[in-house]
Amino acid sequence: MLLALAAFLARTLYNTGVIVLRVQDTLEESLETIDDRVESIEKILEIPLFSDSPEIKRLRKDMLDCREAILDVAYSLSNSMTEQETTLDPEMENQ
């Protein structure tokens, strides 16, 4: 009975670990895509505006706000991954 429970827990932990690794890979790929899009938005934002239209000014402000929001998400995700990796590395070296 105890052996069956241990086997079940081991399998569940293994499956959970695989899911976490897949999510991490997906997040890293998404962060690369976000980095590319941020670079593209920055190039567009460097173009001078030749219209004083309030709609164009609002669009530019919205793009700047979107860029900042994307960067905030990317930084928070990458920082949490980096912190997690640094906490795991010393444990791995001791084994």
PDB file of N, CA and C in Angstrom:
ATOM      1  N   MET A   1       0.831  -1.193   0.000  1.00  0.00           N
ATOM      2  CA  MET A   1       0.000   0.000   0.000  1.00  0.00           C
ATOM      3  C   MET A   1       0.872   1.252   0.000  1.00  0.00           C
ATOM      4  N   LEU A   2       1.853   1.270   0.887  1.00  0.00           N
ATOM      5  CA  LEU A   2       2.750   2.426   0.980  1.00  0.00           C
ATOM      6  C   LEU A   2       3.579   2.570  -0.294  1.00  0.00           C
ATOM      7  N   LEU A   3       3.991   1.445  -0.857  1.00  0.00           N
ATOM      8  CA  LEU A   3       4.760   1.470  -2.098  1.00  0.00           C
ATOM      9  C   LEU A   3       3.912   2.003  -3.253  1.00  0.00           C
ATOM     10  N   ALA A   4       2.648   1.631  -3.294  1.00  0.00           N
ATOM     11  CA  ALA A   4       1.754   2.116  -4.345  1.00  0.00           C
ATOM     12  C   ALA A   4       1.537   3.619  -4.206  1.00  0.00           C
ATOM     13  N   LEU A   5       1.390   4.092  -2.978  1.00  0.00           N
ATOM     14  CA  LEU A   5       1.215   5.516  -2.736  1.00  0.00           C
ATOM     15  C   LEU A   5       2.479   6.289  -3.131  1.00  0.00           C
ATOM     16  N   ALA A   6       3.635   5.746  -2.808  1.00  0.00           N
ATOM     17  CA  ALA A   6       4.898   6.394  -3.173  1.00  0.00           C
ATOM     18  C   ALA A   6       5.057   6.444  -4.694  1.00  0.00           C
ATOM     19  N   ALA A   7       4.672   5.375  -5.365  1.00  0.00           N
ATOM     20  CA  ALA A   7       4.761   5.338  -6.830  1.00  0.00           C
ATOM     21  C   ALA A   7       3.808   6.362  -7.441  1.00  0.00           C
ATOM     22  N   PHE A   8       2.598   6.449  -6.898  1.00  0.00           N
ATOM     23  CA  PHE A   8       1.621   7.424  -7.391  1.00  0.00           C
ATOM     24  C   PHE A   8       2.140   8.849  -7.194  1.00  0.00           C
ATOM     25  N   LEU A   9       2.676   9.142  -6.023  1.00  0.00           N
ATOM     26  CA  LEU A   9       3.209  10.478  -5.745  1.00  0.00           C
ATOM     27  C   LEU A   9       4.401  10.804  -6.644  1.00  0.00           C
ATOM     28  N   ALA A  10       5.259   9.832  -6.865  1.00  0.00           N
ATOM     29  CA  ALA A  10       6.415  10.053  -7.734  1.00  0.00           C
ATOM     30  C   ALA A  10       5.957  10.365  -9.154  1.00  0.00           C
ATOM     31  N   ARG A  11       4.985   9.628  -9.642  1.00  0.00           N
ATOM     32  CA  ARG A  11       4.468   9.865 -10.998  1.00  0.00           C
ATOM     33  C   ARG A  11       3.802  11.244 -11.089  1.00  0.00           C
ATOM     34  N   THR A  12       3.041  11.612 -10.073  1.00  0.00           N
ATOM     35  CA  THR A  12       2.376  12.913 -10.052  1.00  0.00           C
ATOM     36  C   THR A  12       3.400  14.043 -10.014  1.00  0.00           C
ATOM     37  N   LEU A  13       4.423  13.898  -9.199  1.00  0.00           N
ATOM     38  CA  LEU A  13       5.468  14.921  -9.127  1.00  0.00           C
ATOM     39  C   LEU A  13       6.230  15.029 -10.443  1.00  0.00           C
ATOM     40  N   TYR A  14       6.501  13.895 -11.067  1.00  0.00           N
ATOM     41  CA  TYR A  14       7.183  13.904 -12.358  1.00  0.00           C
ATOM     42  C   TYR A  14       6.349  14.634 -13.411  1.00  0.00           C
ATOM     43  N   ASN A  15       5.053  14.314 -13.482  1.00  0.00           N
ATOM     44  CA  ASN A  15       4.163  14.961 -14.452  1.00  0.00           C
ATOM     45  C   ASN A  15       4.067  16.461 -14.193  1.00  0.00           C
ATOM     46  N   THR A  16       4.005  16.849 -12.930  1.00  0.00           N
ATOM     47  CA  THR A  16       3.957  18.265 -12.586  1.00  0.00           C
ATOM     48  C   THR A  16       5.248  18.956 -13.009  1.00  0.00           C
ATOM     49  N   GLY A  17       6.365  18.317 -12.791  1.00  0.00           N
ATOM     50  CA  GLY A  17       7.653  18.884 -13.208  1.00  0.00           C
ATOM     51  C   GLY A  17       7.736  19.082 -14.714  1.00  0.00           C
ATOM     52  N   VAL A  18       7.229  18.103 -15.468  1.00  0.00           N
ATOM     53  CA  VAL A  18       7.220  18.211 -16.928  1.00  0.00           C
ATOM     54  C   VAL A  18       6.351  19.384 -17.369  1.00  0.00           C
ATOM     55  N   ILE A  19       5.204  19.546 -16.724  1.00  0.00           N
ATOM     56  CA  ILE A  19       4.316  20.663 -17.059  1.00  0.00           C
ATOM     57  C   ILE A  19       5.000  21.985 -16.773  1.00  0.00           C
ATOM     58  N   VAL A  20       5.666  22.095 -15.634  1.00  0.00           N
ATOM     59  CA  VAL A  20       6.370  23.335 -15.273  1.00  0.00           C
ATOM     60  C   VAL A  20       7.459  23.644 -16.293  1.00  0.00           C
ATOM     61  N   LEU A  21       8.204  22.639 -16.716  1.00  0.00           N
ATOM     62  CA  LEU A  21       9.263  22.859 -17.704  1.00  0.00           C
ATOM     63  C   LEU A  21       8.686  23.299 -19.052  1.00  0.00           C
ATOM     64  N   ARG A  22       7.566  22.725 -19.450  1.00  0.00           N
ATOM     65  CA  ARG A  22       6.924  23.141 -20.711  1.00  0.00           C
ATOM     66  C   ARG A  22       6.447  24.582 -20.628  1.00  0.00           C
ATOM     67  N   VAL A  23       5.847  24.951 -19.494  1.00  0.00           N
ATOM     68  CA  VAL A  23       5.392  26.328 -19.313  1.00  0.00           C
ATOM     69  C   VAL A  23       6.577  27.282 -19.344  1.00  0.00           C
ATOM     70  N   GLN A  24       7.672  26.910 -18.705  1.00  0.00           N
ATOM     71  CA  GLN A  24       8.866  27.760 -18.703  1.00  0.00           C
ATOM     72  C   GLN A  24       9.400  27.940 -20.124  1.00  0.00           C
ATOM     73  N   ASP A  25       9.453  26.868 -20.904  1.00  0.00           N
ATOM     74  CA  ASP A  25       9.913  26.974 -22.288  1.00  0.00           C
ATOM     75  C   ASP A  25       9.003  27.896 -23.099  1.00  0.00           C
ATOM     76  N   THR A  26       7.696  27.749 -22.915  1.00  0.00           N
ATOM     77  CA  THR A  26       6.746  28.594 -23.625  1.00  0.00           C
ATOM     78  C   THR A  26       6.919  30.053 -23.228  1.00  0.00           C
ATOM     79  N   LEU A  27       7.114  30.310 -21.933  1.00  0.00           N
ATOM     80  CA  LEU A  27       7.324  31.681 -21.473  1.00  0.00           C
ATOM     81  C   LEU A  27       8.600  32.276 -22.058  1.00  0.00           C
ATOM     82  N   GLU A  28       9.655  31.500 -22.116  1.00  0.00           N
ATOM     83  CA  GLU A  28      10.908  32.001 -22.684  1.00  0.00           C
ATOM     84  C   GLU A  28      10.743  32.334 -24.166  1.00  0.00           C
ATOM     85  N   GLU A  29      10.047  31.478 -24.903  1.00  0.00           N
ATOM     86  CA  GLU A  29       9.793  31.754 -26.319  1.00  0.00           C
ATOM     87  C   GLU A  29       8.933  33.001 -26.479  1.00  0.00           C
ATOM     88  N   SER A  30       7.937  33.141 -25.612  1.00  0.00           N
ATOM     89  CA  SER A  30       7.068  34.314 -25.670  1.00  0.00           C
ATOM     90  C   SER A  30       7.842  35.582 -25.347  1.00  0.00           C
ATOM     91  N   LEU A  31       8.761  35.506 -24.406  1.00  0.00           N
ATOM     92  CA  LEU A  31       9.569  36.675 -24.068  1.00  0.00           C
ATOM     93  C   LEU A  31      10.458  37.095 -25.238  1.00  0.00           C
ATOM     94  N   GLU A  32      10.966  36.121 -25.982  1.00  0.00           N
ATOM     95  CA  GLU A  32      11.756  36.454 -27.171  1.00  0.00           C
ATOM     96  C   GLU A  32      10.896  37.167 -28.205  1.00  0.00           C
ATOM     97  N   THR A  33       9.675  36.681 -28.402  1.00  0.00           N
ATOM     98  CA  THR A  33       8.752  37.326 -29.334  1.00  0.00           C
ATOM     99  C   THR A  33       8.415  38.734 -28.859  1.00  0.00           C
ATOM    100  N   ILE A  34       8.172  38.880 -27.568  1.00  0.00           N
ATOM    101  CA  ILE A  34       7.866  40.200 -27.006  1.00  0.00           C
ATOM    102  C   ILE A  34       9.040  41.141 -27.218  1.00  0.00           C
ATOM    103  N   ASP A  35      10.264  40.659 -27.006  1.00  0.00           N
ATOM    104  CA  ASP A  35      11.446  41.497 -27.236  1.00  0.00           C
ATOM    105  C   ASP A  35      11.506  41.982 -28.683  1.00  0.00           C
ATOM    106  N   ASP A  36      11.212  41.079 -29.619  1.00  0.00           N
ATOM    107  CA  ASP A  36      11.207  41.464 -31.032  1.00  0.00           C
ATOM    108  C   ASP A  36      10.150  42.533 -31.310  1.00  0.00           C
ATOM    109  N   ARG A  37       8.956  42.339 -30.769  1.00  0.00           N
ATOM    110  CA  ARG A  37       7.872  43.304 -30.989  1.00  0.00           C
ATOM    111  C   ARG A  37       8.189  44.649 -30.347  1.00  0.00           C
ATOM    112  N   VAL A  38       8.825  44.647 -29.186  1.00  0.00           N
ATOM    113  CA  VAL A  38       9.192  45.903 -28.526  1.00  0.00           C
ATOM    114  C   VAL A  38      10.186  46.662 -29.401  1.00  0.00           C
ATOM    115  N   GLU A  39      11.154  45.949 -29.977  1.00  0.00           N
ATOM    116  CA  GLU A  39      12.107  46.601 -30.874  1.00  0.00           C
ATOM    117  C   GLU A  39      11.384  47.211 -32.073  1.00  0.00           C
ATOM    118  N   SER A  40      10.420  46.492 -32.614  1.00  0.00           N
ATOM    119  CA  SER A  40       9.653  46.986 -33.751  1.00  0.00           C
ATOM    120  C   SER A  40       8.854  48.231 -33.365  1.00  0.00           C
ATOM    121  N   ILE A  41       8.216  48.201 -32.207  1.00  0.00           N
ATOM    122  CA  ILE A  41       7.449  49.358 -31.744  1.00  0.00           C
ATOM    123  C   ILE A  41       8.374  50.552 -31.520  1.00  0.00           C
ATOM    124  N   GLU A  42       9.555  50.308 -30.949  1.00  0.00           N
ATOM    125  CA  GLU A  42      10.495  51.407 -30.706  1.00  0.00           C
ATOM    126  C   GLU A  42      10.938  52.060 -32.007  1.00  0.00           C
ATOM    127  N   LYS A  43      11.145  51.273 -33.055  1.00  0.00           N
ATOM    128  CA  LYS A  43      11.517  51.842 -34.353  1.00  0.00           C
ATOM    129  C   LYS A  43      10.396  52.726 -34.893  1.00  0.00           C
ATOM    130  N   ILE A  44       9.165  52.254 -34.739  1.00  0.00           N
ATOM    131  CA  ILE A  44       8.026  53.048 -35.211  1.00  0.00           C
ATOM    132  C   ILE A  44       7.901  54.336 -34.412  1.00  0.00           C
ATOM    133  N   LEU A  45       8.135  54.245 -33.104  1.00  0.00           N
ATOM    134  CA  LEU A  45       7.990  55.423 -32.249  1.00  0.00           C
ATOM    135  C   LEU A  45       9.087  56.459 -32.492  1.00  0.00           C
ATOM    136  N   GLU A  46      10.195  56.054 -33.087  1.00  0.00           N
ATOM    137  CA  GLU A  46      11.267  57.002 -33.394  1.00  0.00           C
ATOM    138  C   GLU A  46      10.927  57.882 -34.597  1.00  0.00           C
ATOM    139  N   ILE A  47       9.960  57.466 -35.403  1.00  0.00           N
ATOM    140  CA  ILE A  47       9.573  58.237 -36.583  1.00  0.00           C
ATOM    141  C   ILE A  47       8.861  59.506 -36.121  1.00  0.00           C
ATOM    142  N   PRO A  48       9.314  60.671 -36.590  1.00  0.00           N
ATOM    143  CA  PRO A  48       8.657  61.906 -36.164  1.00  0.00           C
ATOM    144  C   PRO A  48       7.225  62.007 -36.707  1.00  0.00           C
ATOM    145  N   LEU A  49       6.360  62.623 -35.917  1.00  0.00           N
ATOM    146  CA  LEU A  49       4.969  62.807 -36.327  1.00  0.00           C
ATOM    147  C   LEU A  49       4.830  64.112 -37.094  1.00  0.00           C
ATOM    148  N   PHE A  50       4.166  64.067 -38.227  1.00  0.00           N
ATOM    149  CA  PHE A  50       3.972  65.258 -39.039  1.00  0.00           C
ATOM    150  C   PHE A  50       2.524  65.736 -38.994  1.00  0.00           C
ATOM    151  N   SER A  51       1.766  65.201 -38.066  1.00  0.00           N
ATOM    152  CA  SER A  51       0.377  65.607 -37.948  1.00  0.00           C
ATOM    153  C   SER A  51       0.106  66.017 -36.514  1.00  0.00           C
ATOM    154  N   ASP A  52      -0.642  67.070 -36.361  1.00  0.00           N
ATOM    155  CA  ASP A  52      -1.020  67.511 -35.028  1.00  0.00           C
ATOM    156  C   ASP A  52      -2.378  66.953 -34.628  1.00  0.00           C
ATOM    157  N   SER A  53      -2.826  65.958 -35.345  1.00  0.00           N
ATOM    158  CA  SER A  53      -4.135  65.367 -35.081  1.00  0.00           C
ATOM    159  C   SER A  53      -4.147  64.742 -33.684  1.00  0.00           C
ATOM    160  N   PRO A  54      -5.174  64.995 -32.896  1.00  0.00           N
ATOM    161  CA  PRO A  54      -5.252  64.401 -31.558  1.00  0.00           C
ATOM    162  C   PRO A  54      -5.337  62.875 -31.601  1.00  0.00           C
ATOM    163  N   GLU A  55      -5.915  62.332 -32.667  1.00  0.00           N
ATOM    164  CA  GLU A  55      -6.007  60.873 -32.790  1.00  0.00           C
ATOM    165  C   GLU A  55      -4.627  60.249 -32.930  1.00  0.00           C
ATOM    166  N   ILE A  56      -3.771  60.887 -33.740  1.00  0.00           N
ATOM    167  CA  ILE A  56      -2.422  60.356 -33.938  1.00  0.00           C
ATOM    168  C   ILE A  56      -1.616  60.488 -32.653  1.00  0.00           C
ATOM    169  N   LYS A  57      -1.762  61.601 -31.957  1.00  0.00           N
ATOM    170  CA  LYS A  57      -1.057  61.777 -30.690  1.00  0.00           C
ATOM    171  C   LYS A  57      -1.530  60.746 -29.659  1.00  0.00           C
ATOM    172  N   ARG A  58      -2.821  60.466 -29.640  1.00  0.00           N
ATOM    173  CA  ARG A  58      -3.360  59.475 -28.705  1.00  0.00           C
ATOM    174  C   ARG A  58      -2.857  58.083 -29.077  1.00  0.00           C
ATOM    175  N   LEU A  59      -2.794  57.791 -30.380  1.00  0.00           N
ATOM    176  CA  LEU A  59      -2.282  56.500 -30.833  1.00  0.00           C
ATOM    177  C   LEU A  59      -0.830  56.320 -30.405  1.00  0.00           C
ATOM    178  N   ARG A  60      -0.029  57.364 -30.551  1.00  0.00           N
ATOM    179  CA  ARG A  60       1.374  57.299 -30.140  1.00  0.00           C
ATOM    180  C   ARG A  60       1.479  57.053 -28.639  1.00  0.00           C
ATOM    181  N   LYS A  61       0.661  57.754 -27.855  1.00  0.00           N
ATOM    182  CA  LYS A  61       0.666  57.572 -26.405  1.00  0.00           C
ATOM    183  C   LYS A  61       0.232  56.155 -26.052  1.00  0.00           C
ATOM    184  N   ASP A  62      -0.782  55.631 -26.739  1.00  0.00           N
ATOM    185  CA  ASP A  62      -1.237  54.261 -26.483  1.00  0.00           C
ATOM    186  C   ASP A  62      -0.132  53.254 -26.795  1.00  0.00           C
ATOM    187  N   MET A  63       0.598  53.479 -27.880  1.00  0.00           N
ATOM    188  CA  MET A  63       1.693  52.575 -28.232  1.00  0.00           C
ATOM    189  C   MET A  63       2.792  52.622 -27.170  1.00  0.00           C
ATOM    190  N   LEU A  64       3.095  53.814 -26.677  1.00  0.00           N
ATOM    191  CA  LEU A  64       4.093  53.930 -25.609  1.00  0.00           C
ATOM    192  C   LEU A  64       3.630  53.199 -24.353  1.00  0.00           C
ATOM    193  N   ASP A  65       2.358  53.356 -24.011  1.00  0.00           N
ATOM    194  CA  ASP A  65       1.820  52.678 -22.832  1.00  0.00           C
ATOM    195  C   ASP A  65       1.855  51.160 -23.000  1.00  0.00           C
ATOM    196  N   CYS A  66       1.523  50.685 -24.206  1.00  0.00           N
ATOM    197  CA  CYS A  66       1.570  49.245 -24.475  1.00  0.00           C
ATOM    198  C   CYS A  66       2.997  48.715 -24.370  1.00  0.00           C
ATOM    199  N   ARG A  67       3.932  49.474 -24.911  1.00  0.00           N
ATOM    200  CA  ARG A  67       5.330  49.062 -24.831  1.00  0.00           C
ATOM    201  C   ARG A  67       5.769  48.938 -23.381  1.00  0.00           C
ATOM    202  N   GLU A  68       5.404  49.913 -22.557  1.00  0.00           N
ATOM    203  CA  GLU A  68       5.777  49.873 -21.145  1.00  0.00           C
ATOM    204  C   GLU A  68       5.137  48.681 -20.436  1.00  0.00           C
ATOM    205  N   ALA A  69       3.877  48.408 -20.741  1.00  0.00           N
ATOM    206  CA  ALA A  69       3.193  47.270 -20.121  1.00  0.00           C
ATOM    207  C   ALA A  69       3.848  45.948 -20.522  1.00  0.00           C
ATOM    208  N   ILE A  70       4.197  45.827 -21.803  1.00  0.00           N
ATOM    209  CA  ILE A  70       4.853  44.611 -22.278  1.00  0.00           C
ATOM    210  C   ILE A  70       6.206  44.440 -21.599  1.00  0.00           C
ATOM    211  N   LEU A  71       6.950  45.528 -21.483  1.00  0.00           N
ATOM    212  CA  LEU A  71       8.252  45.456 -20.818  1.00  0.00           C
ATOM    213  C   LEU A  71       8.110  45.087 -19.348  1.00  0.00           C
ATOM    214  N   ASP A  72       7.111  45.624 -18.671  1.00  0.00           N
ATOM    215  CA  ASP A  72       6.888  45.279 -17.262  1.00  0.00           C
ATOM    216  C   ASP A  72       6.635  43.791 -17.092  1.00  0.00           C
ATOM    217  N   VAL A  73       5.776  43.232 -17.967  1.00  0.00           N
ATOM    218  CA  VAL A  73       5.484  41.800 -17.894  1.00  0.00           C
ATOM    219  C   VAL A  73       6.740  40.993 -18.182  1.00  0.00           C
ATOM    220  N   ALA A  74       7.470  41.364 -19.215  1.00  0.00           N
ATOM    221  CA  ALA A  74       8.676  40.624 -19.584  1.00  0.00           C
ATOM    222  C   ALA A  74       9.710  40.668 -18.473  1.00  0.00           C
ATOM    223  N   TYR A  75       9.917  41.837 -17.888  1.00  0.00           N
ATOM    224  CA  TYR A  75      10.902  41.954 -16.812  1.00  0.00           C
ATOM    225  C   TYR A  75      10.488  41.162 -15.586  1.00  0.00           C
ATOM    226  N   SER A  76       9.214  41.223 -15.229  1.00  0.00           N
ATOM    227  CA  SER A  76       8.788  40.489 -14.033  1.00  0.00           C
ATOM    228  C   SER A  76       8.908  38.984 -14.246  1.00  0.00           C
ATOM    229  N   LEU A  77       8.561  38.510 -15.448  1.00  0.00           N
ATOM    230  CA  LEU A  77       8.681  37.077 -15.725  1.00  0.00           C
ATOM    231  C   LEU A  77      10.139  36.649 -15.781  1.00  0.00           C
ATOM    232  N   SER A  78      10.974  37.420 -16.441  1.00  0.00           N
ATOM    233  CA  SER A  78      12.376  37.018 -16.550  1.00  0.00           C
ATOM    234  C   SER A  78      13.081  37.131 -15.211  1.00  0.00           C
ATOM    235  N   ASN A  79      12.734  38.111 -14.394  1.00  0.00           N
ATOM    236  CA  ASN A  79      13.342  38.222 -13.072  1.00  0.00           C
ATOM    237  C   ASN A  79      12.928  37.065 -12.179  1.00  0.00           C
ATOM    238  N   SER A  80      11.682  36.656 -12.244  1.00  0.00           N
ATOM    239  CA  SER A  80      11.245  35.546 -11.399  1.00  0.00           C
ATOM    240  C   SER A  80      11.914  34.253 -11.841  1.00  0.00           C
ATOM    241  N   MET A  81      12.118  34.085 -13.155  1.00  0.00           N
ATOM    242  CA  MET A  81      12.803  32.889 -13.634  1.00  0.00           C
ATOM    243  C   MET A  81      14.267  32.917 -13.209  1.00  0.00           C
ATOM    244  N   THR A  82      14.909  34.077 -13.292  1.00  0.00           N
ATOM    245  CA  THR A  82      16.313  34.191 -12.908  1.00  0.00           C
ATOM    246  C   THR A  82      16.474  33.933 -11.420  1.00  0.00           C
ATOM    247  N   GLU A  83      15.594  34.494 -10.600  1.00  0.00           N
ATOM    248  CA  GLU A  83      15.662  34.267  -9.161  1.00  0.00           C
ATOM    249  C   GLU A  83      15.468  32.797  -8.844  1.00  0.00           C
ATOM    250  N   GLN A  84      14.545  32.155  -9.549  1.00  0.00           N
ATOM    251  CA  GLN A  84      14.289  30.742  -9.303  1.00  0.00           C
ATOM    252  C   GLN A  84      15.516  29.908  -9.693  1.00  0.00           C
ATOM    253  N   GLU A  85      16.149  30.241 -10.811  1.00  0.00           N
ATOM    254  CA  GLU A  85      17.330  29.499 -11.250  1.00  0.00           C
ATOM    255  C   GLU A  85      18.469  29.678 -10.267  1.00  0.00           C
ATOM    256  N   THR A  86      18.659  30.879  -9.740  1.00  0.00           N
ATOM    257  CA  THR A  86      19.745  31.119  -8.793  1.00  0.00           C
ATOM    258  C   THR A  86      19.485  30.381  -7.492  1.00  0.00           C
ATOM    259  N   THR A  87      18.244  30.264  -7.099  1.00  0.00           N
ATOM    260  CA  THR A  87      17.971  29.539  -5.861  1.00  0.00           C
ATOM    261  C   THR A  87      18.168  28.045  -6.065  1.00  0.00           C
ATOM    262  N   LEU A  88      17.923  27.561  -7.249  1.00  0.00           N
ATOM    263  CA  LEU A  88      18.078  26.135  -7.508  1.00  0.00           C
ATOM    264  C   LEU A  88      19.541  25.745  -7.744  1.00  0.00           C
ATOM    265  N   ASP A  89      20.343  26.611  -8.314  1.00  0.00           N
ATOM    266  CA  ASP A  89      21.721  26.272  -8.646  1.00  0.00           C
ATOM    267  C   ASP A  89      22.563  25.844  -7.443  1.00  0.00           C
ATOM    268  N   PRO A  90      22.558  26.547  -6.295  1.00  0.00           N
ATOM    269  CA  PRO A  90      23.377  26.094  -5.170  1.00  0.00           C
ATOM    270  C   PRO A  90      22.971  24.711  -4.683  1.00  0.00           C
ATOM    271  N   GLU A  91      21.699  24.384  -4.737  1.00  0.00           N
ATOM    272  CA  GLU A  91      21.267  23.057  -4.319  1.00  0.00           C
ATOM    273  C   GLU A  91      21.819  21.989  -5.255  1.00  0.00           C
ATOM    274  N   MET A  92      21.847  22.297  -6.547  1.00  0.00           N
ATOM    275  CA  MET A  92      22.341  21.329  -7.527  1.00  0.00           C
ATOM    276  C   MET A  92      23.839  21.087  -7.337  1.00  0.00           C
ATOM    277  N   GLU A  93      24.586  22.134  -6.995  1.00  0.00           N
ATOM    278  CA  GLU A  93      26.020  22.002  -6.859  1.00  0.00           C
ATOM    279  C   GLU A  93      26.382  21.171  -5.637  1.00  0.00           C
ATOM    280  N   ASN A  94      25.556  21.178  -4.591  1.00  0.00           N
ATOM    281  CA  ASN A  94      25.849  20.425  -3.377  1.00  0.00           C
ATOM    282  C   ASN A  94      25.626  18.929  -3.555  1.00  0.00           C
ATOM    283  N   GLN A  95      24.883  18.546  -4.568  1.00  0.00           N
ATOM    284  CA  GLN A  95      24.572  17.116  -4.737  1.00  0.00           C
ATOM    285  C   GLN A  95      25.642  16.384  -5.479  1.00  0.00           C
TER     286      GLN A  95
END
